[in-house]
Amino acid sequence: MPEVKPRIAFGDFAKLDLRVAKVLEAHDHPNADKLICMTIDLGSEQRQIIAGLKDHCTSQSRVGKNVVVLINLEPRKMRGLESNGMLLAATFEQAGALRVVVVTTDGDVPPGAAIA
């Protein structure tokens, strides 16, 4: 199990804007071996996010799925393309290998719904 990080005040957690997004398009990053570029729908807007998922799933397996995204993270260039948010995923070791599982919703949730 990973080391537990220090406690934070609720006010610090409340600064995070976590939302449900639907993946509209996904493709492999043209300049990186491990990155997938996704166009996501947040209800009121569409954005591009980039995630290091290629070793764990295909880009097309993400299309149409709901994902949980941190949307108020400052944009970041990743191998020449801008990512406007961060996809949430669980990471753990299983049978000696790193597993990455994307955080999603249990039911049908509209794009843009806030995670509280």
N, C-alpha and C. Protein backbone atom coordinates (compact mmCIF):
# COMPACT_ATOMS: atom_id res chain seq x y z
N MET A 1 0.85 -1.18 0.00
CA MET A 1 0.00 0.00 0.00
C MET A 1 0.89 1.24 0.00
N PRO A 2 0.56 2.25 -0.81
CA PRO A 2 1.36 3.47 -0.83
C PRO A 2 1.30 4.19 0.50
N GLU A 3 2.33 4.96 0.77
CA GLU A 3 2.39 5.74 2.01
C GLU A 3 1.25 6.76 2.03
N VAL A 4 0.63 6.93 3.21
CA VAL A 4 -0.45 7.89 3.36
C VAL A 4 0.14 9.29 3.40
N LYS A 5 -0.43 10.19 2.62
CA LYS A 5 0.04 11.58 2.57
C LYS A 5 -0.45 12.32 3.80
N PRO A 6 0.18 13.46 4.12
CA PRO A 6 -0.25 14.24 5.29
C PRO A 6 -1.70 14.71 5.15
N ARG A 7 -2.35 14.88 6.29
CA ARG A 7 -3.73 15.39 6.29
C ARG A 7 -3.77 16.82 5.77
N ILE A 8 -4.88 17.15 5.16
CA ILE A 8 -5.09 18.52 4.69
C ILE A 8 -6.40 19.04 5.29
N ALA A 9 -6.55 20.34 5.30
CA ALA A 9 -7.79 20.95 5.77
C ALA A 9 -8.88 20.74 4.72
N PHE A 10 -10.14 20.70 5.17
CA PHE A 10 -11.25 20.53 4.24
C PHE A 10 -11.25 21.63 3.19
N GLY A 11 -10.87 22.84 3.59
CA GLY A 11 -10.82 23.96 2.65
C GLY A 11 -9.89 23.70 1.49
N ASP A 12 -8.77 23.00 1.75
CA ASP A 12 -7.85 22.66 0.66
C ASP A 12 -8.49 21.65 -0.29
N PHE A 13 -9.16 20.65 0.27
CA PHE A 13 -9.86 19.67 -0.58
C PHE A 13 -10.97 20.34 -1.40
N ALA A 14 -11.67 21.29 -0.79
CA ALA A 14 -12.79 21.96 -1.45
C ALA A 14 -12.34 22.77 -2.67
N LYS A 15 -11.07 23.08 -2.77
CA LYS A 15 -10.55 23.82 -3.92
C LYS A 15 -10.53 22.96 -5.19
N LEU A 16 -10.53 21.64 -5.04
CA LEU A 16 -10.49 20.75 -6.19
C LEU A 16 -11.87 20.72 -6.86
N ASP A 17 -11.89 20.88 -8.18
CA ASP A 17 -13.13 20.81 -8.94
C ASP A 17 -13.12 19.51 -9.73
N LEU A 18 -13.74 18.50 -9.15
CA LEU A 18 -13.81 17.17 -9.77
C LEU A 18 -15.16 17.03 -10.45
N ARG A 19 -15.13 16.60 -11.72
CA ARG A 19 -16.36 16.48 -12.51
C ARG A 19 -16.39 15.17 -13.28
N VAL A 20 -17.59 14.76 -13.62
CA VAL A 20 -17.78 13.63 -14.53
C VAL A 20 -17.67 14.18 -15.95
N ALA A 21 -16.96 13.46 -16.80
CA ALA A 21 -16.82 13.83 -18.21
C ALA A 21 -17.05 12.58 -19.06
N LYS A 22 -17.57 12.79 -20.25
CA LYS A 22 -17.73 11.68 -21.20
C LYS A 22 -16.63 11.81 -22.25
N VAL A 23 -15.94 10.71 -22.52
CA VAL A 23 -14.88 10.71 -23.53
C VAL A 23 -15.53 10.63 -24.91
N LEU A 24 -15.32 11.68 -25.71
CA LEU A 24 -15.89 11.75 -27.05
C LEU A 24 -14.98 11.13 -28.10
N GLU A 25 -13.69 11.41 -27.98
CA GLU A 25 -12.69 10.90 -28.92
C GLU A 25 -11.44 10.54 -28.15
N ALA A 26 -10.67 9.62 -28.68
CA ALA A 26 -9.39 9.26 -28.08
C ALA A 26 -8.46 8.73 -29.16
N HIS A 27 -7.19 9.12 -29.04
CA HIS A 27 -6.19 8.61 -29.97
C HIS A 27 -4.82 8.63 -29.28
N ASP A 28 -3.92 7.84 -29.81
CA ASP A 28 -2.57 7.80 -29.26
C ASP A 28 -1.88 9.13 -29.53
N HIS A 29 -1.11 9.59 -28.57
CA HIS A 29 -0.35 10.84 -28.73
C HIS A 29 0.67 10.61 -29.84
N PRO A 30 0.80 11.56 -30.79
CA PRO A 30 1.71 11.34 -31.92
C PRO A 30 3.19 11.38 -31.56
N ASN A 31 3.54 11.95 -30.40
CA ASN A 31 4.95 12.11 -30.04
C ASN A 31 5.32 11.44 -28.72
N ALA A 32 4.53 10.48 -28.28
CA ALA A 32 4.82 9.82 -27.00
C ALA A 32 4.34 8.38 -27.04
N ASP A 33 5.12 7.50 -26.44
CA ASP A 33 4.80 6.07 -26.45
C ASP A 33 3.71 5.67 -25.46
N LYS A 34 3.53 6.43 -24.36
CA LYS A 34 2.64 6.00 -23.30
C LYS A 34 1.40 6.87 -23.12
N LEU A 35 1.27 7.92 -23.92
CA LEU A 35 0.18 8.88 -23.70
C LEU A 35 -0.98 8.69 -24.66
N ILE A 36 -2.18 8.92 -24.13
CA ILE A 36 -3.41 8.92 -24.91
C ILE A 36 -4.03 10.31 -24.81
N CYS A 37 -4.44 10.87 -25.96
CA CYS A 37 -5.11 12.17 -26.01
C CYS A 37 -6.62 11.91 -26.10
N MET A 38 -7.37 12.61 -25.27
CA MET A 38 -8.82 12.43 -25.25
C MET A 38 -9.53 13.78 -25.35
N THR A 39 -10.59 13.83 -26.12
CA THR A 39 -11.50 14.96 -26.10
C THR A 39 -12.64 14.56 -25.19
N ILE A 40 -12.88 15.39 -24.17
CA ILE A 40 -13.93 15.07 -23.20
C ILE A 40 -15.03 16.12 -23.24
N ASP A 41 -16.23 15.68 -22.89
CA ASP A 41 -17.39 16.56 -22.80
C ASP A 41 -17.68 16.80 -21.32
N LEU A 42 -17.68 18.09 -20.94
CA LEU A 42 -17.99 18.47 -19.56
C LEU A 42 -19.38 19.09 -19.45
N GLY A 43 -20.22 18.86 -20.44
CA GLY A 43 -21.57 19.43 -20.43
C GLY A 43 -21.59 20.82 -21.03
N SER A 44 -20.83 21.74 -20.45
CA SER A 44 -20.81 23.12 -20.93
C SER A 44 -19.66 23.41 -21.88
N GLU A 45 -18.72 22.50 -21.98
CA GLU A 45 -17.56 22.69 -22.86
C GLU A 45 -16.89 21.35 -23.15
N GLN A 46 -16.04 21.36 -24.17
CA GLN A 46 -15.20 20.22 -24.48
C GLN A 46 -13.76 20.62 -24.26
N ARG A 47 -12.95 19.66 -23.82
CA ARG A 47 -11.53 19.90 -23.56
C ARG A 47 -10.71 18.71 -24.03
N GLN A 48 -9.41 18.97 -24.18
CA GLN A 48 -8.46 17.89 -24.42
C GLN A 48 -7.73 17.60 -23.12
N ILE A 49 -7.68 16.33 -22.77
CA ILE A 49 -6.82 15.90 -21.67
C ILE A 49 -5.90 14.80 -22.19
N ILE A 50 -4.77 14.69 -21.56
CA ILE A 50 -3.77 13.69 -21.96
C ILE A 50 -3.43 12.87 -20.74
N ALA A 51 -3.40 11.56 -20.90
CA ALA A 51 -3.13 10.67 -19.76
C ALA A 51 -2.18 9.56 -20.16
N GLY A 52 -1.38 9.13 -19.22
CA GLY A 52 -0.42 8.05 -19.45
C GLY A 52 -1.05 6.68 -19.29
N LEU A 53 -1.94 6.35 -20.20
CA LEU A 53 -2.70 5.10 -20.10
C LEU A 53 -2.35 4.05 -21.13
N LYS A 54 -1.54 4.39 -22.11
CA LYS A 54 -1.36 3.51 -23.26
C LYS A 54 -0.86 2.11 -22.89
N ASP A 55 -0.09 1.98 -21.83
CA ASP A 55 0.37 0.66 -21.40
C ASP A 55 -0.73 -0.16 -20.72
N HIS A 56 -1.88 0.49 -20.45
CA HIS A 56 -2.91 -0.16 -19.65
C HIS A 56 -4.25 -0.35 -20.36
N CYS A 57 -4.43 0.35 -21.48
CA CYS A 57 -5.67 0.20 -22.25
C CYS A 57 -5.46 0.79 -23.63
N THR A 58 -6.38 0.52 -24.53
CA THR A 58 -6.31 1.12 -25.85
C THR A 58 -7.06 2.45 -25.82
N SER A 59 -6.68 3.34 -26.71
CA SER A 59 -7.35 4.63 -26.75
C SER A 59 -8.84 4.45 -27.07
N GLN A 60 -9.16 3.56 -27.99
CA GLN A 60 -10.56 3.39 -28.39
C GLN A 60 -11.43 2.79 -27.29
N SER A 61 -10.82 2.09 -26.32
CA SER A 61 -11.61 1.52 -25.22
C SER A 61 -12.13 2.59 -24.28
N ARG A 62 -11.66 3.81 -24.38
CA ARG A 62 -12.11 4.92 -23.53
C ARG A 62 -13.31 5.64 -24.11
N VAL A 63 -13.47 5.60 -25.43
CA VAL A 63 -14.52 6.37 -26.10
C VAL A 63 -15.91 5.95 -25.59
N GLY A 64 -16.72 6.96 -25.25
CA GLY A 64 -18.07 6.71 -24.77
C GLY A 64 -18.16 6.48 -23.27
N LYS A 65 -17.04 6.39 -22.59
CA LYS A 65 -17.02 6.11 -21.15
C LYS A 65 -17.11 7.40 -20.35
N ASN A 66 -17.72 7.30 -19.19
CA ASN A 66 -17.66 8.38 -18.21
C ASN A 66 -16.35 8.23 -17.43
N VAL A 67 -15.69 9.35 -17.18
CA VAL A 67 -14.47 9.37 -16.38
C VAL A 67 -14.58 10.50 -15.37
N VAL A 68 -13.74 10.46 -14.35
CA VAL A 68 -13.68 11.53 -13.35
C VAL A 68 -12.43 12.34 -13.63
N VAL A 69 -12.61 13.67 -13.71
CA VAL A 69 -11.53 14.57 -14.12
C VAL A 69 -11.42 15.73 -13.15
N LEU A 70 -10.18 16.09 -12.82
CA LEU A 70 -9.89 17.33 -12.08
C LEU A 70 -9.81 18.43 -13.12
N ILE A 71 -10.77 19.38 -13.09
CA ILE A 71 -10.84 20.35 -14.19
C ILE A 71 -10.21 21.70 -13.89
N ASN A 72 -9.87 21.97 -12.64
CA ASN A 72 -9.29 23.29 -12.35
C ASN A 72 -7.78 23.22 -12.11
N LEU A 73 -7.14 22.25 -12.71
CA LEU A 73 -5.69 22.14 -12.70
C LEU A 73 -5.15 23.01 -13.83
N GLU A 74 -4.06 23.72 -13.58
CA GLU A 74 -3.49 24.55 -14.63
C GLU A 74 -3.12 23.69 -15.84
N PRO A 75 -3.33 24.22 -17.06
CA PRO A 75 -2.97 23.46 -18.27
C PRO A 75 -1.48 23.10 -18.26
N ARG A 76 -1.17 21.97 -18.90
CA ARG A 76 0.21 21.49 -18.94
C ARG A 76 0.52 20.94 -20.32
N LYS A 77 1.65 21.33 -20.85
CA LYS A 77 2.10 20.77 -22.14
C LYS A 77 2.69 19.39 -21.88
N MET A 78 2.26 18.44 -22.68
CA MET A 78 2.76 17.08 -22.58
C MET A 78 3.21 16.65 -23.97
N ARG A 79 4.53 16.66 -24.17
CA ARG A 79 5.12 16.31 -25.46
C ARG A 79 4.55 17.14 -26.59
N GLY A 80 4.38 18.44 -26.33
CA GLY A 80 3.95 19.38 -27.35
C GLY A 80 2.46 19.64 -27.44
N LEU A 81 1.63 18.86 -26.75
CA LEU A 81 0.19 19.07 -26.76
C LEU A 81 -0.27 19.47 -25.36
N GLU A 82 -1.31 20.32 -25.31
CA GLU A 82 -1.77 20.82 -24.03
C GLU A 82 -2.86 19.93 -23.44
N SER A 83 -2.70 19.63 -22.15
CA SER A 83 -3.70 18.90 -21.40
C SER A 83 -4.41 19.88 -20.49
N ASN A 84 -5.74 19.87 -20.50
CA ASN A 84 -6.56 20.80 -19.73
C ASN A 84 -7.38 20.07 -18.69
N GLY A 85 -6.70 19.39 -17.81
CA GLY A 85 -7.34 18.64 -16.74
C GLY A 85 -6.55 17.37 -16.47
N MET A 86 -6.97 16.66 -15.44
CA MET A 86 -6.30 15.40 -15.09
C MET A 86 -7.34 14.32 -14.85
N LEU A 87 -7.20 13.23 -15.57
CA LEU A 87 -8.06 12.07 -15.41
C LEU A 87 -7.64 11.34 -14.14
N LEU A 88 -8.59 10.90 -13.34
CA LEU A 88 -8.28 10.17 -12.11
C LEU A 88 -8.25 8.67 -12.38
N ALA A 89 -7.26 8.01 -11.79
CA ALA A 89 -7.12 6.56 -11.95
C ALA A 89 -6.52 5.98 -10.68
N ALA A 90 -6.87 4.76 -10.38
CA ALA A 90 -6.28 4.03 -9.26
C ALA A 90 -5.07 3.25 -9.78
N THR A 91 -4.00 3.26 -9.01
CA THR A 91 -2.81 2.48 -9.37
C THR A 91 -2.49 1.53 -8.24
N PHE A 92 -2.12 0.31 -8.61
CA PHE A 92 -1.77 -0.69 -7.61
C PHE A 92 -0.96 -1.79 -8.27
N GLU A 93 -0.30 -2.58 -7.45
CA GLU A 93 0.48 -3.70 -7.96
C GLU A 93 -0.34 -4.97 -7.85
N GLN A 94 -0.30 -5.76 -8.93
CA GLN A 94 -1.00 -7.03 -8.94
C GLN A 94 -0.15 -8.04 -9.67
N ALA A 95 0.16 -9.13 -9.03
CA ALA A 95 0.99 -10.19 -9.61
C ALA A 95 2.31 -9.63 -10.15
N GLY A 96 2.89 -8.68 -9.40
CA GLY A 96 4.18 -8.13 -9.76
C GLY A 96 4.16 -7.07 -10.85
N ALA A 97 2.96 -6.69 -11.31
CA ALA A 97 2.86 -5.68 -12.37
C ALA A 97 2.02 -4.50 -11.89
N LEU A 98 2.33 -3.32 -12.41
CA LEU A 98 1.55 -2.13 -12.10
C LEU A 98 0.23 -2.17 -12.85
N ARG A 99 -0.87 -1.98 -12.14
CA ARG A 99 -2.20 -1.89 -12.76
C ARG A 99 -2.69 -0.46 -12.64
N VAL A 100 -3.35 0.01 -13.66
CA VAL A 100 -3.97 1.33 -13.66
C VAL A 100 -5.42 1.15 -14.08
N VAL A 101 -6.35 1.61 -13.23
CA VAL A 101 -7.78 1.48 -13.51
C VAL A 101 -8.39 2.88 -13.44
N VAL A 102 -9.01 3.31 -14.52
CA VAL A 102 -9.60 4.64 -14.61
C VAL A 102 -10.82 4.72 -13.69
N VAL A 103 -10.93 5.82 -12.95
CA VAL A 103 -12.09 6.05 -12.09
C VAL A 103 -13.26 6.47 -12.97
N THR A 104 -14.38 5.79 -12.80
CA THR A 104 -15.56 6.04 -13.61
C THR A 104 -16.79 6.08 -12.72
N THR A 105 -17.96 6.15 -13.31
CA THR A 105 -19.20 6.20 -12.53
C THR A 105 -19.89 4.85 -12.56
N ASP A 106 -20.70 4.63 -11.54
CA ASP A 106 -21.41 3.37 -11.42
C ASP A 106 -22.68 3.36 -12.27
N GLY A 107 -23.21 4.52 -12.55
CA GLY A 107 -24.43 4.62 -13.32
C GLY A 107 -24.33 5.72 -14.36
N ASP A 108 -25.45 6.02 -14.98
CA ASP A 108 -25.49 7.05 -16.01
C ASP A 108 -25.53 8.42 -15.34
N VAL A 109 -24.45 9.17 -15.48
CA VAL A 109 -24.31 10.49 -14.87
C VAL A 109 -24.04 11.48 -16.00
N PRO A 110 -24.72 12.63 -16.01
CA PRO A 110 -24.50 13.57 -17.10
C PRO A 110 -23.14 14.23 -17.04
N PRO A 111 -22.55 14.53 -18.21
CA PRO A 111 -21.27 15.24 -18.23
C PRO A 111 -21.38 16.57 -17.48
N GLY A 112 -20.35 16.86 -16.70
CA GLY A 112 -20.30 18.10 -15.93
C GLY A 112 -20.77 17.95 -14.50
N ALA A 113 -21.38 16.80 -14.17
CA ALA A 113 -21.85 16.61 -12.79
C ALA A 113 -20.67 16.72 -11.83
N ALA A 114 -20.88 17.44 -10.74
CA ALA A 114 -19.81 17.65 -9.76
C ALA A 114 -19.64 16.41 -8.89
N ILE A 115 -18.41 16.15 -8.53
CA ILE A 115 -18.09 15.08 -7.58
C ILE A 115 -17.93 15.77 -6.22
N ALA A 116 -18.74 15.35 -5.26
CA ALA A 116 -18.70 15.99 -3.94
C ALA A 116 -18.18 15.04 -2.90
